[in-house]
Protein backbone atom coordinates (compact mmCIF):
# COMPACT_ATOMS: atom_id res chain seq x y z
CA UNK A 1 9.75 -80.81 -29.94
CA UNK A 2 8.22 -83.93 -27.94
CA UNK A 3 4.28 -84.81 -27.62
CA UNK A 4 3.00 -87.33 -25.86
CA UNK A 5 -0.37 -88.73 -28.00
CA UNK A 6 -3.60 -90.31 -25.75
CA UNK A 7 -6.36 -92.63 -27.80
CA UNK A 8 -8.91 -92.01 -26.15
CA UNK A 9 -11.64 -95.03 -27.39
CA UNK A 10 -15.12 -94.46 -26.20
CA UNK A 11 -18.14 -96.20 -27.06
CA UNK A 12 -21.48 -94.89 -26.47
CA UNK A 13 -24.49 -96.77 -25.75
CA UNK A 14 -26.76 -93.96 -27.48
CA UNK A 15 -24.85 -93.70 -30.51
CA UNK A 16 -23.96 -96.70 -33.10
CA UNK A 17 -20.04 -94.54 -34.48
CA UNK A 18 -16.96 -94.65 -32.71
CA UNK A 19 -15.61 -91.36 -31.51
CA UNK A 20 -11.46 -91.12 -31.52
CA UNK A 21 -10.29 -87.60 -29.55
CA UNK A 22 -6.01 -86.76 -29.43
CA UNK A 23 -4.62 -84.96 -26.85
CA UNK A 24 -1.09 -83.29 -27.13
CA UNK A 25 1.03 -82.47 -24.31
CA UNK A 26 4.23 -80.32 -25.40
CA UNK A 27 7.61 -79.69 -23.75
CA UNK A 28 9.21 -77.03 -22.06
CA UNK A 29 10.02 -74.15 -23.98
CA UNK A 30 13.11 -71.16 -23.02
CA UNK A 31 12.12 -67.84 -24.23
CA UNK A 32 14.93 -65.58 -23.54
CA UNK A 33 14.97 -61.92 -21.59
CA UNK A 34 17.60 -60.99 -24.62
CA UNK A 35 17.32 -62.19 -28.57
CA UNK A 36 20.84 -62.15 -28.86
CA UNK A 37 21.66 -64.33 -25.18
CA UNK A 38 24.66 -61.98 -24.42
CA UNK A 39 24.19 -59.87 -21.10
CA UNK A 40 27.03 -57.76 -19.70
CA UNK A 41 27.14 -56.43 -16.35
CA UNK A 42 29.85 -54.75 -13.92
CA UNK A 43 32.69 -56.38 -11.66
CA UNK A 44 31.10 -56.84 -8.68
CA UNK A 45 27.31 -55.45 -9.97
CA UNK A 46 24.84 -58.07 -9.74
CA UNK A 47 22.65 -58.51 -13.18
CA UNK A 48 19.03 -60.77 -13.35
CA UNK A 49 17.92 -62.74 -16.30
CA UNK A 50 14.98 -63.12 -16.50
CA UNK A 51 13.98 -65.87 -19.63
CA UNK A 52 9.91 -66.50 -20.10
CA UNK A 53 9.27 -70.43 -20.64
CA UNK A 54 6.02 -72.26 -21.83
CA UNK A 55 4.97 -75.92 -20.75
CA UNK A 56 7.09 -75.58 -17.83
CA UNK A 57 4.48 -76.67 -15.08
CA UNK A 58 6.43 -78.47 -11.90
CA UNK A 59 9.70 -77.85 -14.19
CA UNK A 60 12.58 -78.27 -12.66
CA UNK A 61 15.49 -75.53 -13.61
CA UNK A 62 19.26 -75.78 -13.44
CA UNK A 63 21.79 -72.95 -14.33
CA UNK A 64 25.28 -74.48 -14.77
CA UNK A 65 28.40 -73.21 -15.50
CA UNK A 66 30.47 -76.21 -17.04
CA UNK A 67 28.48 -79.09 -15.22
CA UNK A 68 28.68 -76.95 -12.02
CA UNK A 69 25.07 -76.22 -10.83
CA UNK A 70 25.25 -72.19 -9.82
CA UNK A 71 20.75 -72.14 -9.32
CA UNK A 72 17.81 -73.79 -9.39
CA UNK A 73 15.30 -71.46 -9.70
CA UNK A 74 14.03 -69.74 -12.78
CA UNK A 75 15.36 -66.32 -12.64
CA UNK A 76 19.13 -66.29 -12.35
CA UNK A 77 21.36 -63.64 -9.94
CA UNK A 78 24.61 -63.32 -11.05
CA UNK A 79 27.48 -61.31 -9.73
CA UNK A 80 31.22 -62.01 -10.49
CA UNK A 81 34.25 -59.67 -9.21
CA UNK A 82 36.21 -61.18 -11.92
CA UNK A 83 36.64 -59.68 -15.48
CA UNK A 84 35.79 -61.76 -18.80
CA UNK A 85 32.61 -64.02 -21.04
CA UNK A 86 31.04 -66.30 -18.99
CA UNK A 87 28.98 -69.15 -20.58
CA UNK A 88 25.46 -69.56 -18.26
CA UNK A 89 23.33 -73.28 -19.50
CA UNK A 90 20.09 -73.08 -18.20
CA UNK A 91 17.72 -76.11 -18.47
CA UNK A 92 14.35 -77.31 -17.81
CA UNK A 93 13.23 -79.79 -17.86
CA UNK A 94 9.58 -81.79 -16.84
CA UNK A 95 7.63 -84.93 -17.22
CA UNK A 96 7.08 -85.33 -20.81
CA UNK A 97 10.56 -83.63 -22.11
CA UNK A 98 13.33 -80.81 -21.83
CA UNK A 99 14.94 -77.75 -23.35
CA UNK A 100 18.72 -76.27 -22.58
CA UNK A 101 19.58 -72.90 -23.66
CA UNK A 102 23.72 -71.71 -23.53
CA UNK A 103 23.66 -67.62 -22.52
CA UNK A 104 26.82 -65.57 -22.36
CA UNK A 105 27.56 -62.98 -19.68
CA UNK A 106 30.20 -60.32 -19.84
CA UNK A 107 31.44 -59.18 -16.90
CA UNK A 108 33.20 -55.70 -17.71
CA UNK A 109 35.29 -52.65 -16.17
CA UNK A 110 33.19 -50.30 -14.15
CA UNK A 111 33.58 -46.78 -16.04
CA UNK A 112 34.21 -44.52 -13.03
CA UNK A 113 35.07 -40.71 -14.78
CA UNK A 114 38.69 -41.14 -12.98
CA UNK A 115 39.66 -37.03 -12.65
CA UNK A 116 43.23 -35.30 -12.92
CA UNK A 117 43.94 -31.74 -12.90
CA UNK A 118 47.18 -30.39 -13.78
CA UNK A 119 49.20 -29.16 -10.18
CA UNK A 120 45.89 -29.42 -7.84
CA UNK A 121 48.31 -30.83 -5.20
CA UNK A 122 50.84 -27.70 -5.29
CA UNK A 123 47.74 -25.35 -5.09
CA UNK A 124 47.93 -21.65 -6.38
CA UNK A 125 49.06 -18.52 -5.21
CA UNK A 126 47.53 -16.10 -6.93
CA UNK A 127 47.68 -12.33 -6.94
CA UNK A 128 44.68 -9.91 -6.32
CA UNK A 129 42.81 -9.38 -9.50
CA UNK A 130 44.10 -11.49 -11.65
CA UNK A 131 42.85 -15.03 -13.60
CA UNK A 132 43.07 -18.17 -14.15
CA UNK A 133 41.80 -21.02 -15.88
CA UNK A 134 41.10 -24.59 -14.81
CA UNK A 135 41.53 -27.62 -17.01
CA UNK A 136 40.22 -30.75 -15.62
CA UNK A 137 40.78 -34.37 -17.78
CA UNK A 138 38.17 -37.25 -17.48
CA UNK A 139 38.78 -40.73 -18.25
CA UNK A 140 36.75 -41.45 -21.40
CA UNK A 141 34.11 -44.07 -20.37
CA UNK A 142 30.94 -45.04 -22.68
CA UNK A 143 28.69 -43.21 -19.60
CA UNK A 144 26.85 -40.52 -20.19
CA UNK A 145 28.73 -38.07 -17.46
CA UNK A 146 28.38 -34.55 -15.63
CA UNK A 147 30.57 -32.19 -14.25
CA UNK A 148 30.85 -29.42 -11.61
CA UNK A 149 33.10 -27.30 -10.08
CA UNK A 150 32.41 -26.65 -6.81
CA UNK A 151 34.19 -23.07 -5.21
CA UNK A 152 33.83 -23.08 -1.22
CA UNK A 153 30.87 -25.63 -2.16
CA UNK A 154 29.23 -23.20 -4.63
CA UNK A 155 28.90 -24.76 -8.07
CA UNK A 156 29.93 -22.35 -10.51
CA UNK A 157 30.52 -24.09 -13.35
CA UNK A 158 29.11 -27.71 -15.27
CA UNK A 159 31.89 -27.52 -18.02
CA UNK A 160 35.08 -29.11 -17.85
CA UNK A 161 36.69 -25.48 -17.84
CA UNK A 162 36.41 -23.19 -15.50
CA UNK A 163 37.82 -19.42 -14.87
CA UNK A 164 38.48 -17.98 -12.13
CA UNK A 165 39.05 -14.04 -10.72
CA UNK A 166 41.08 -13.40 -7.92
CA UNK A 167 38.11 -10.81 -6.90
CA UNK A 168 38.92 -10.78 -2.70
CA UNK A 169 41.58 -11.74 -0.72
CA UNK A 170 41.10 -15.10 1.04
CA UNK A 171 41.71 -18.69 1.18
CA UNK A 172 39.43 -21.00 -1.42
CA UNK A 173 38.91 -24.11 -2.15
CA UNK A 174 38.38 -25.84 -5.48
CA UNK A 175 36.52 -29.47 -6.37
CA UNK A 176 35.77 -30.22 -9.66
CA UNK A 177 33.53 -33.76 -9.90
CA UNK A 178 32.51 -35.62 -12.20
CA UNK A 179 29.72 -38.33 -12.25
CA UNK A 180 27.94 -41.24 -13.97
CA UNK A 181 25.53 -44.19 -13.22
CA UNK A 182 29.00 -46.28 -12.37
CA UNK A 183 30.41 -43.48 -10.00
CA UNK A 184 32.10 -40.17 -8.86
CA UNK A 185 35.04 -39.01 -8.35
CA UNK A 186 35.98 -35.39 -7.52
CA UNK A 187 40.03 -33.62 -6.87
CA UNK A 188 40.34 -30.54 -4.90
CA UNK A 189 42.87 -28.00 -5.03
CA UNK A 190 43.78 -25.16 -2.92
CA UNK A 191 43.69 -21.38 -4.34
CA UNK A 192 45.47 -18.37 -2.17
CA UNK A 193 45.02 -14.74 -3.43
CA UNK A 194 47.54 -12.54 -2.36
CA UNK A 195 48.21 -8.94 -2.35
CA UNK A 196 50.92 -9.38 -4.72
CA UNK A 197 51.53 -13.10 -5.50
CA UNK A 198 55.17 -14.47 -4.15
CA UNK A 199 58.17 -14.12 -6.60
CA UNK A 200 60.05 -17.50 -7.19
CA UNK A 201 62.94 -19.06 -8.78
CA UNK A 202 64.49 -22.76 -10.19
CA UNK A 203 67.80 -23.22 -11.40
CA UNK A 204 68.46 -26.73 -12.97
CA UNK A 205 72.13 -26.39 -12.30
CA UNK A 206 74.47 -24.19 -10.49
CA UNK A 207 78.01 -25.41 -10.88
CA UNK A 208 79.12 -25.11 -14.45
CA UNK A 209 82.25 -25.27 -16.76
CA UNK A 210 83.06 -22.79 -19.19
CA UNK A 211 86.42 -23.09 -21.97
CA UNK A 212 87.73 -19.99 -22.24
CA UNK A 213 86.56 -18.33 -25.55
CA UNK A 214 82.66 -19.49 -25.57
CA UNK A 215 79.86 -18.34 -24.06
CA UNK A 216 77.24 -20.18 -22.26
CA UNK A 217 74.22 -19.03 -20.57
CA UNK A 218 74.07 -18.68 -16.66
CA UNK A 219 70.89 -18.29 -14.13
CA UNK A 220 67.16 -19.50 -13.47
CA UNK A 221 65.37 -22.24 -15.44
CA UNK A 222 62.33 -20.95 -14.32
CA UNK A 223 61.45 -17.84 -12.45
CA UNK A 224 57.46 -16.74 -11.06
CA UNK A 225 56.80 -13.64 -10.71
CA UNK A 226 59.60 -11.65 -11.81
CA UNK A 227 58.67 -10.05 -15.49
CA UNK A 228 59.56 -6.72 -13.56
CA UNK A 229 62.32 -7.36 -11.00
CA UNK A 230 66.00 -5.91 -11.78
CA UNK A 231 69.01 -8.77 -12.14
CA UNK A 232 72.16 -8.27 -11.13
CA UNK A 233 75.09 -10.66 -11.70
CA UNK A 234 78.06 -10.18 -9.72
CA UNK A 235 81.54 -11.75 -9.48
CA UNK A 236 83.26 -10.13 -5.86
CA UNK A 237 81.87 -6.57 -6.08
CA UNK A 238 82.20 -6.48 -9.88
CA UNK A 239 78.90 -6.24 -11.74
CA UNK A 240 78.86 -7.75 -15.15
CA UNK A 241 75.89 -7.91 -15.72
CA UNK A 242 72.86 -5.54 -14.27
CA UNK A 243 68.90 -5.13 -16.19
CA UNK A 244 65.42 -7.05 -16.57
CA UNK A 245 67.51 -9.58 -18.51
CA UNK A 246 67.22 -13.12 -16.38
CA UNK A 247 70.01 -15.15 -17.51
CA UNK A 248 73.55 -13.86 -18.46
CA UNK A 249 75.41 -14.71 -21.07
CA UNK A 250 78.52 -16.05 -19.79
CA UNK A 251 82.52 -14.80 -21.73
CA UNK A 252 84.38 -15.20 -18.44
CA UNK A 253 87.82 -15.74 -19.88
CA UNK A 254 90.59 -15.96 -17.14
CA UNK A 255 91.16 -19.62 -16.45
CA UNK A 256 89.49 -20.45 -13.11
CA UNK A 257 87.13 -20.70 -10.68
CA UNK A 258 84.84 -18.03 -10.29
CA UNK A 259 82.05 -17.40 -8.01
CA UNK A 260 78.94 -15.73 -8.98
CA UNK A 261 76.30 -13.93 -7.52
CA UNK A 262 72.85 -13.00 -9.02
CA UNK A 263 70.25 -11.90 -6.91
CA UNK A 264 66.75 -10.63 -8.22
CA UNK A 265 65.17 -7.30 -6.89
CA UNK A 266 61.03 -6.83 -7.59
CA UNK A 267 59.67 -4.02 -6.10
CA UNK A 268 55.60 -4.91 -5.51
CA UNK A 269 53.51 -1.85 -3.81
CA UNK A 270 55.66 -0.59 -1.14
CA UNK A 271 57.30 -4.14 -0.67
CA UNK A 272 60.33 -5.02 -2.02
CA UNK A 273 61.40 -8.95 -2.94
CA UNK A 274 65.02 -9.86 -2.84
CA UNK A 275 65.93 -12.95 -4.59
CA UNK A 276 69.63 -14.06 -4.34
CA UNK A 277 71.61 -17.71 -6.11
CA UNK A 278 75.46 -18.66 -5.66
CA UNK A 279 76.60 -19.73 -8.76
CA UNK A 280 80.13 -21.18 -9.57
CA UNK A 281 82.11 -21.19 -13.16
CA UNK A 282 85.03 -23.30 -13.51
CA UNK A 283 87.28 -21.57 -16.76
CA UNK A 284 89.35 -24.20 -18.39
CA UNK A 285 91.64 -23.39 -21.45
CA UNK A 286 91.23 -25.35 -24.88
CA UNK A 287 94.41 -27.16 -24.06
CA UNK A 288 92.78 -29.30 -21.32
CA UNK A 289 90.17 -30.48 -23.32
CA UNK A 290 89.87 -34.33 -23.07
CA UNK A 291 90.35 -35.96 -26.37
CA UNK A 292 90.57 -39.27 -26.89
CA UNK A 293 91.50 -40.92 -30.35
CA UNK A 294 90.33 -43.52 -32.39
CA UNK A 295 92.25 -46.83 -32.18
CA UNK A 296 92.11 -49.83 -34.02
CA UNK A 297 89.69 -51.62 -32.55
CA UNK A 298 86.95 -48.30 -32.56
CA UNK A 299 83.47 -48.92 -33.70
CA UNK A 300 82.09 -47.18 -35.71
CA UNK A 301 78.74 -46.99 -33.78
CA UNK A 302 77.88 -45.73 -30.54
CA UNK A 303 78.91 -47.81 -27.68
CA UNK A 304 76.54 -46.37 -24.54
CA UNK A 305 73.42 -44.67 -23.84
CA UNK A 306 73.80 -42.46 -20.63
CA UNK A 307 69.95 -41.21 -20.46
CA UNK A 308 66.98 -41.60 -21.60
CA UNK A 309 63.89 -39.61 -21.03
CA UNK A 310 60.83 -39.21 -22.86
CA UNK A 311 58.07 -37.09 -22.69
CA UNK A 312 54.73 -39.37 -22.36
CA UNK A 313 54.13 -40.87 -25.32
CA UNK A 314 51.96 -43.60 -27.20
CA UNK A 315 54.83 -46.20 -27.34
CA UNK A 316 56.31 -45.42 -23.90
CA UNK A 317 55.91 -47.94 -21.46
CA UNK A 318 53.66 -49.92 -24.57
CA UNK A 319 54.87 -53.98 -24.24
CA UNK A 320 54.24 -54.77 -28.69
CA UNK A 321 55.66 -52.46 -30.59
CA UNK A 322 57.07 -50.49 -28.04
CA UNK A 323 59.47 -53.83 -26.73
CA UNK A 324 58.46 -52.90 -22.87
CA UNK A 325 58.29 -55.64 -20.43
CA UNK A 326 56.94 -53.41 -17.53
CA UNK A 327 60.03 -53.63 -15.39
CA UNK A 328 61.56 -50.19 -16.73
CA UNK A 329 60.79 -49.07 -13.32
CA UNK A 330 64.39 -47.03 -12.84
CA UNK A 331 65.93 -44.92 -14.77
CA UNK A 332 68.87 -47.38 -15.39
CA UNK A 333 66.41 -49.91 -16.95
CA UNK A 334 64.94 -47.59 -18.95
CA UNK A 335 68.88 -47.25 -20.32
CA UNK A 336 69.06 -50.58 -20.68
CA UNK A 337 65.99 -50.85 -22.47
CA UNK A 338 67.13 -48.51 -24.55
CA UNK A 339 70.38 -50.24 -25.42
CA UNK A 340 69.16 -53.04 -26.27
CA UNK A 341 66.47 -51.70 -28.58
CA UNK A 342 69.33 -49.76 -30.49
CA UNK A 343 71.36 -52.86 -30.48
CA UNK A 344 69.53 -54.25 -32.01
CA UNK A 345 68.41 -52.47 -34.52
CA UNK A 346 64.87 -51.01 -33.24
CA UNK A 347 63.53 -47.62 -32.93
CA UNK A 348 63.50 -46.20 -30.15
CA UNK A 349 60.45 -43.19 -29.02
CA UNK A 350 61.18 -40.16 -27.38
CA UNK A 351 57.79 -39.31 -26.59
CA UNK A 352 56.41 -35.94 -27.42
CA UNK A 353 58.03 -32.35 -27.23
CA UNK A 354 61.63 -32.92 -25.01
CA UNK A 355 61.84 -36.04 -24.78
CA UNK A 356 65.64 -36.97 -25.26
CA UNK A 357 68.48 -39.67 -25.61
CA UNK A 358 72.27 -39.39 -25.00
CA UNK A 359 74.28 -42.10 -26.35
CA UNK A 360 78.72 -41.37 -26.37
CA UNK A 361 81.40 -43.37 -28.46
CA UNK A 362 84.58 -45.82 -27.41
CA UNK A 363 86.74 -42.60 -29.16
CA UNK A 364 85.69 -38.70 -29.34
CA UNK A 365 84.10 -37.84 -32.77
CA UNK A 366 86.41 -35.33 -35.09
CA UNK A 367 85.44 -32.33 -37.00
CA UNK A 368 86.38 -33.60 -40.10
CA UNK A 369 84.51 -30.30 -42.03
CA UNK A 370 82.59 -32.09 -43.90
CA UNK A 371 79.50 -34.91 -42.42
CA UNK A 372 80.92 -36.34 -38.87
CA UNK A 373 78.34 -38.17 -37.84
CA UNK A 374 74.70 -39.79 -38.53
CA UNK A 375 71.46 -40.60 -37.02
CA UNK A 376 69.06 -43.72 -37.60
CA UNK A 377 65.95 -42.50 -37.59
CA UNK A 378 62.31 -44.08 -39.75
CA UNK A 379 61.29 -41.29 -41.52
CA UNK A 380 59.73 -41.78 -45.09
CA UNK A 381 57.69 -38.80 -47.51
CA UNK A 382 55.28 -37.31 -45.97
CA UNK A 383 56.25 -38.65 -42.20
CA UNK A 384 58.89 -36.68 -40.51
CA UNK A 385 59.15 -35.99 -36.72
CA UNK A 386 62.21 -34.16 -35.76
CA UNK A 387 64.34 -33.77 -33.46
CA UNK A 388 67.23 -31.17 -32.74
CA UNK A 389 70.73 -32.64 -32.24
CA UNK A 390 73.05 -31.19 -29.22
CA UNK A 391 76.44 -31.81 -29.41
CA UNK A 392 78.72 -31.87 -26.11
CA UNK A 393 82.68 -32.80 -25.06
CA UNK A 394 83.67 -34.05 -22.26
CA UNK A 395 85.48 -31.30 -20.93
CA UNK A 396 86.27 -32.09 -17.18
CA UNK A 397 87.43 -35.49 -18.62
CA UNK A 398 84.94 -37.54 -16.41
CA UNK A 399 83.68 -39.22 -19.25
CA UNK A 400 79.65 -37.95 -18.06
CA UNK A 401 77.97 -35.74 -19.92
CA UNK A 402 77.73 -33.01 -17.98
CA UNK A 403 79.16 -30.04 -18.98
CA UNK A 404 77.38 -27.70 -22.14
CA UNK A 405 75.86 -28.83 -24.66
CA UNK A 406 76.05 -27.26 -28.12
CA UNK A 407 73.10 -27.07 -30.52
CA UNK A 408 73.69 -27.94 -33.83
CA UNK A 409 71.85 -25.07 -36.60
CA UNK A 410 69.54 -26.44 -39.08
CA UNK A 411 66.93 -24.60 -41.66
CA UNK A 412 64.56 -23.24 -38.63
CA UNK A 413 67.27 -21.50 -36.67
CA UNK A 414 66.88 -17.65 -36.32
CA UNK A 415 63.88 -17.87 -37.65
CA UNK A 416 60.69 -15.89 -35.63
CA UNK A 417 58.68 -19.14 -35.21
CA UNK A 418 61.44 -21.04 -33.75
CA UNK A 419 61.27 -20.47 -30.32
CA UNK A 420 64.82 -20.79 -27.84
CA UNK A 421 64.67 -22.81 -24.44
CA UNK A 422 60.98 -23.72 -24.95
CA UNK A 423 59.95 -25.50 -22.06
CA UNK A 424 56.77 -28.12 -21.43
CA UNK A 425 56.11 -29.57 -18.16
CA UNK A 426 53.85 -33.05 -17.90
CA UNK A 427 52.04 -33.80 -15.21
CA UNK A 428 50.68 -37.71 -13.76
CA UNK A 429 47.61 -38.57 -14.66
CA UNK A 430 45.15 -39.96 -12.02
CA UNK A 431 43.78 -42.85 -13.47
CA UNK A 432 45.07 -45.43 -16.03
CA UNK A 433 44.67 -45.15 -20.29
CA UNK A 434 43.92 -41.59 -19.33
CA UNK A 435 45.42 -39.01 -21.30
CA UNK A 436 48.41 -36.70 -20.18
CA UNK A 437 48.38 -33.27 -19.56
CA UNK A 438 50.66 -30.38 -19.87
CA UNK A 439 51.68 -26.72 -20.09
CA UNK A 440 54.38 -24.57 -21.63
CA UNK A 441 56.27 -21.88 -20.29
CA UNK A 442 54.35 -20.23 -22.83
CA UNK A 443 50.83 -20.48 -20.94
CA UNK A 444 49.29 -23.08 -23.73
CA UNK A 445 48.65 -26.54 -22.09
CA UNK A 446 47.22 -29.58 -23.83
CA UNK A 447 47.19 -32.81 -23.62
CA UNK A 448 48.70 -36.37 -24.86
CA UNK A 449 45.99 -38.10 -26.39
CA UNK A 450 45.19 -41.96 -24.99
CA UNK A 451 44.93 -44.20 -28.86
CA UNK A 452 42.87 -47.01 -27.58
CA UNK A 453 41.98 -47.99 -30.15
CA UNK A 454 46.47 -48.90 -30.82
CA UNK A 455 47.54 -49.49 -27.68
CA UNK A 456 46.45 -50.58 -23.94
CA UNK A 457 49.33 -50.25 -21.66
CA UNK A 458 48.13 -48.09 -18.49
CA UNK A 459 50.32 -44.56 -18.87
CA UNK A 460 52.09 -42.92 -21.40
CA UNK A 461 54.04 -41.12 -18.79
CA UNK A 462 57.51 -43.04 -18.12
CA UNK A 463 57.12 -45.73 -15.28
CA UNK A 464 60.52 -44.89 -14.31
CA UNK A 465 60.03 -40.96 -13.48
CA UNK A 466 58.52 -41.09 -9.67
CA UNK A 467 57.58 -37.59 -9.47
CA UNK A 468 54.10 -36.42 -10.57
CA UNK A 469 55.33 -33.72 -13.03
CA UNK A 470 58.77 -32.75 -14.88
CA UNK A 471 59.76 -30.20 -17.11
CA UNK A 472 61.34 -31.03 -20.48
CA UNK A 473 63.20 -27.87 -22.30
CA UNK A 474 64.68 -27.07 -25.59
CA UNK A 475 64.31 -25.67 -28.97
CA UNK A 476 60.87 -25.68 -30.21
CA UNK A 477 60.00 -25.94 -34.36
CA UNK A 478 57.21 -24.78 -35.20
CA UNK A 479 54.70 -27.91 -36.40
CA UNK A 480 54.60 -28.28 -40.08
CA UNK A 481 51.70 -31.60 -39.75
CA UNK A 482 48.32 -30.74 -41.44
CA UNK A 483 45.31 -33.09 -42.46
CA UNK A 484 45.28 -33.71 -46.72
CA UNK A 485 41.69 -35.77 -46.15
CA UNK A 486 39.69 -32.41 -44.20
CA UNK A 487 38.10 -35.33 -42.56
CA UNK A 488 40.83 -36.30 -39.95
CA UNK A 489 41.79 -39.14 -41.84
CA UNK A 490 44.78 -38.49 -44.38
CA UNK A 491 47.68 -36.55 -41.85
CA UNK A 492 50.69 -35.17 -44.03
CA UNK A 493 54.39 -34.46 -41.58
CA UNK A 494 56.54 -32.64 -43.73
CA UNK A 495 60.00 -32.95 -43.76
CA UNK A 496 62.65 -29.99 -42.80
CA UNK A 497 64.93 -28.30 -45.14
CA UNK A 498 68.19 -29.99 -43.40
CA UNK A 499 69.56 -30.35 -39.42
CA UNK A 500 67.48 -32.46 -37.95
CA UNK A 501 66.88 -36.12 -36.53
CA UNK A 502 64.01 -38.43 -38.36
CA UNK A 503 63.55 -35.80 -41.06
CA UNK A 504 63.30 -36.82 -44.69
CA UNK A 505 65.59 -34.70 -45.97
CA UNK A 506 66.85 -34.36 -50.02
CA UNK A 507 70.08 -32.55 -48.25
CA UNK A 508 71.50 -34.74 -45.34
CA UNK A 509 69.77 -38.15 -45.38
CA UNK A 510 71.96 -40.75 -46.58
CA UNK A 511 71.62 -42.67 -49.48
CA UNK A 512 70.98 -45.91 -47.91
CA UNK A 513 66.92 -46.03 -48.06
CA UNK A 514 67.12 -42.32 -46.66
CA UNK A 515 66.88 -42.95 -43.02
CA UNK A 516 70.06 -41.66 -41.75
CA UNK A 517 70.47 -38.23 -41.30
CA UNK A 518 73.82 -36.74 -41.20
CA UNK A 519 75.66 -33.64 -39.10
CA UNK A 520 78.48 -31.43 -39.10
CA UNK A 521 79.79 -30.22 -35.69
CA UNK A 522 80.37 -27.17 -37.63
CA UNK A 523 77.42 -26.12 -37.32
CA UNK A 524 76.93 -25.96 -33.56
CA UNK A 525 76.12 -22.89 -32.09
CA UNK A 526 76.27 -21.09 -28.21
CA UNK A 527 72.97 -19.87 -26.73
CA UNK A 528 73.49 -16.54 -28.23
CA UNK A 529 73.29 -18.85 -32.28
CA UNK A 530 76.67 -17.82 -32.54
CA UNK A 531 78.78 -20.33 -34.06
CA UNK A 532 81.04 -22.51 -31.75
CA UNK A 533 84.68 -24.04 -32.78
CA UNK A 534 84.28 -27.47 -31.63
CA UNK A 535 87.38 -29.72 -32.94
CA UNK A 536 86.01 -32.97 -31.89
CA UNK A 537 82.80 -34.29 -29.58
CA UNK A 538 82.12 -36.88 -27.64
CA UNK A 539 77.90 -37.00 -26.70
CA UNK A 540 75.17 -36.26 -29.08
CA UNK A 541 71.82 -35.95 -27.41
CA UNK A 542 68.77 -35.88 -29.95
CA UNK A 543 65.54 -34.33 -28.36
CA UNK A 544 61.97 -34.06 -30.01
CA UNK A 545 61.21 -30.34 -31.69
CA UNK A 546 58.05 -29.90 -31.95
CA UNK A 547 54.82 -29.88 -29.54
CA UNK A 548 51.80 -31.01 -31.87
CA UNK A 549 49.36 -34.41 -32.79
CA UNK A 550 47.84 -35.30 -35.57
CA UNK A 551 44.71 -36.74 -34.66
CA UNK A 552 43.90 -40.60 -34.59
CA UNK A 553 47.89 -41.04 -35.21
CA UNK A 554 48.41 -39.57 -32.39
CA UNK A 555 51.75 -36.61 -30.69
CA UNK A 556 54.20 -36.37 -32.90
CA UNK A 557 57.73 -37.79 -31.33
CA UNK A 558 61.02 -38.52 -33.05
CA UNK A 559 62.70 -42.01 -33.11
CA UNK A 560 65.63 -43.62 -33.36
CA UNK A 561 67.93 -46.38 -34.46
CA UNK A 562 71.33 -45.78 -34.22
CA UNK A 563 74.57 -43.73 -34.17
CA UNK A 564 77.18 -43.77 -36.14
CA UNK A 565 80.72 -41.89 -36.41
CA UNK A 566 80.07 -40.83 -40.18
CA UNK A 567 84.07 -40.85 -40.99
CA UNK A 568 84.54 -44.27 -40.06
CA UNK A 569 81.58 -45.75 -42.60
CA UNK A 570 81.42 -42.67 -45.55
CA UNK A 571 77.80 -43.81 -46.30
């Protein structure tokens, strides 16, 4: 601090002594209105910085960034449309001196509470006197947020969930809104209440190929309001199955093409609703199967990824550990990503339940009577994320995995807790860094949690899936994960006895670091759970087998690192 000293000597005629007086004038001082010197504002919003000043009469004020003057007033109004940290100098200068201080302004994102609601765009049709529970998803913010559900303009709930009871016929508009000091977001859906909800079904496949002597399941993959319907399967005029069973275990033995017609009739009051679908089944002899023998140039390893369709998960689209680069916006690019990862011995994540990968080999893998092929994973003691393994023969000889999948039996096959034909539908979130909602065909719903602490990709929903929702089907095992600590800090994922990929099994792991599980083609089963005799296979599919999550560890997701013909390695 600078001082100016004035020495004033004055001699008074009436006094015999001299009086010396000293006057001090101090230089200016800056006292910030925030002791830390760090300020925060939102993108596009203005912040006022108002320091106090001492000894600043007739002072000159200069605010600058990188020596560029941005203001010459005692207070600063600062606004930026760019994110980041801005270092700003404030200088105060008077005749006797100057002081300079530096502050920092952090410009952060506006935290508007983006909302999502599963199936909102499609709307809902409900039968009279039925109910449905809606649960909205709101992107997490650091700000207090309020919620409201409005039914035809009237507020009916202020929580994240609302249960609608279809008391009266008619059309309803349901709106969910979330609001905080930064803004608001809302989503709207339509509800139609009818006397009887219309019946519908969906067929994932209507053309089948069957090897004579085997059984395949034929019929609709999804149904709505057909619980009490009568299903009739006919070949020509011959009824092959009739009753409440929705699918048909087709066991035709006559070689050739068969045209099947399936009809569903449901009685609703005095109204009968009928649905009809044509299905084609081509039966071939086992002698027509296309076997590809090994040659001296054959490789033990997989040679092609045919499909890569993961469920949403923390490593999907992830640019660091996950190895994505943002260019995986088509199924072909996703396949190329998976091939590059496996080729470099890196893991590929299958995400939550149902996520899968399909690979092939440059030869048919023989059923040798023991272990026939292996799948590399990254399991270890206390960390098993089981994947169901399926196998396929190239029955039609076109070189593509478009024939029939057969599940390989495992230790959980046939148990009451294991669910066949389990299906989960995942919904694209409306905003970045939001959890992913899901519903299943058992009436349950939940979320794949977004873990901000560990990942920062925009979406867990695969970038190459263009639809706003997609459904994955398969066999679901009962989850075994649990929190050993009791406070959420130590999650354990126990192994299953045998028969699954990415599983720390004492039965089927290889002796090399226990990282590969081995599989026997003789364990192939059909849709009825009966053994299927396969002399060889051409394609392998691995699919995440559980629908669960482990707190801060996130969803349980199967990882694979490679596939190999075990008969050529015998590790």
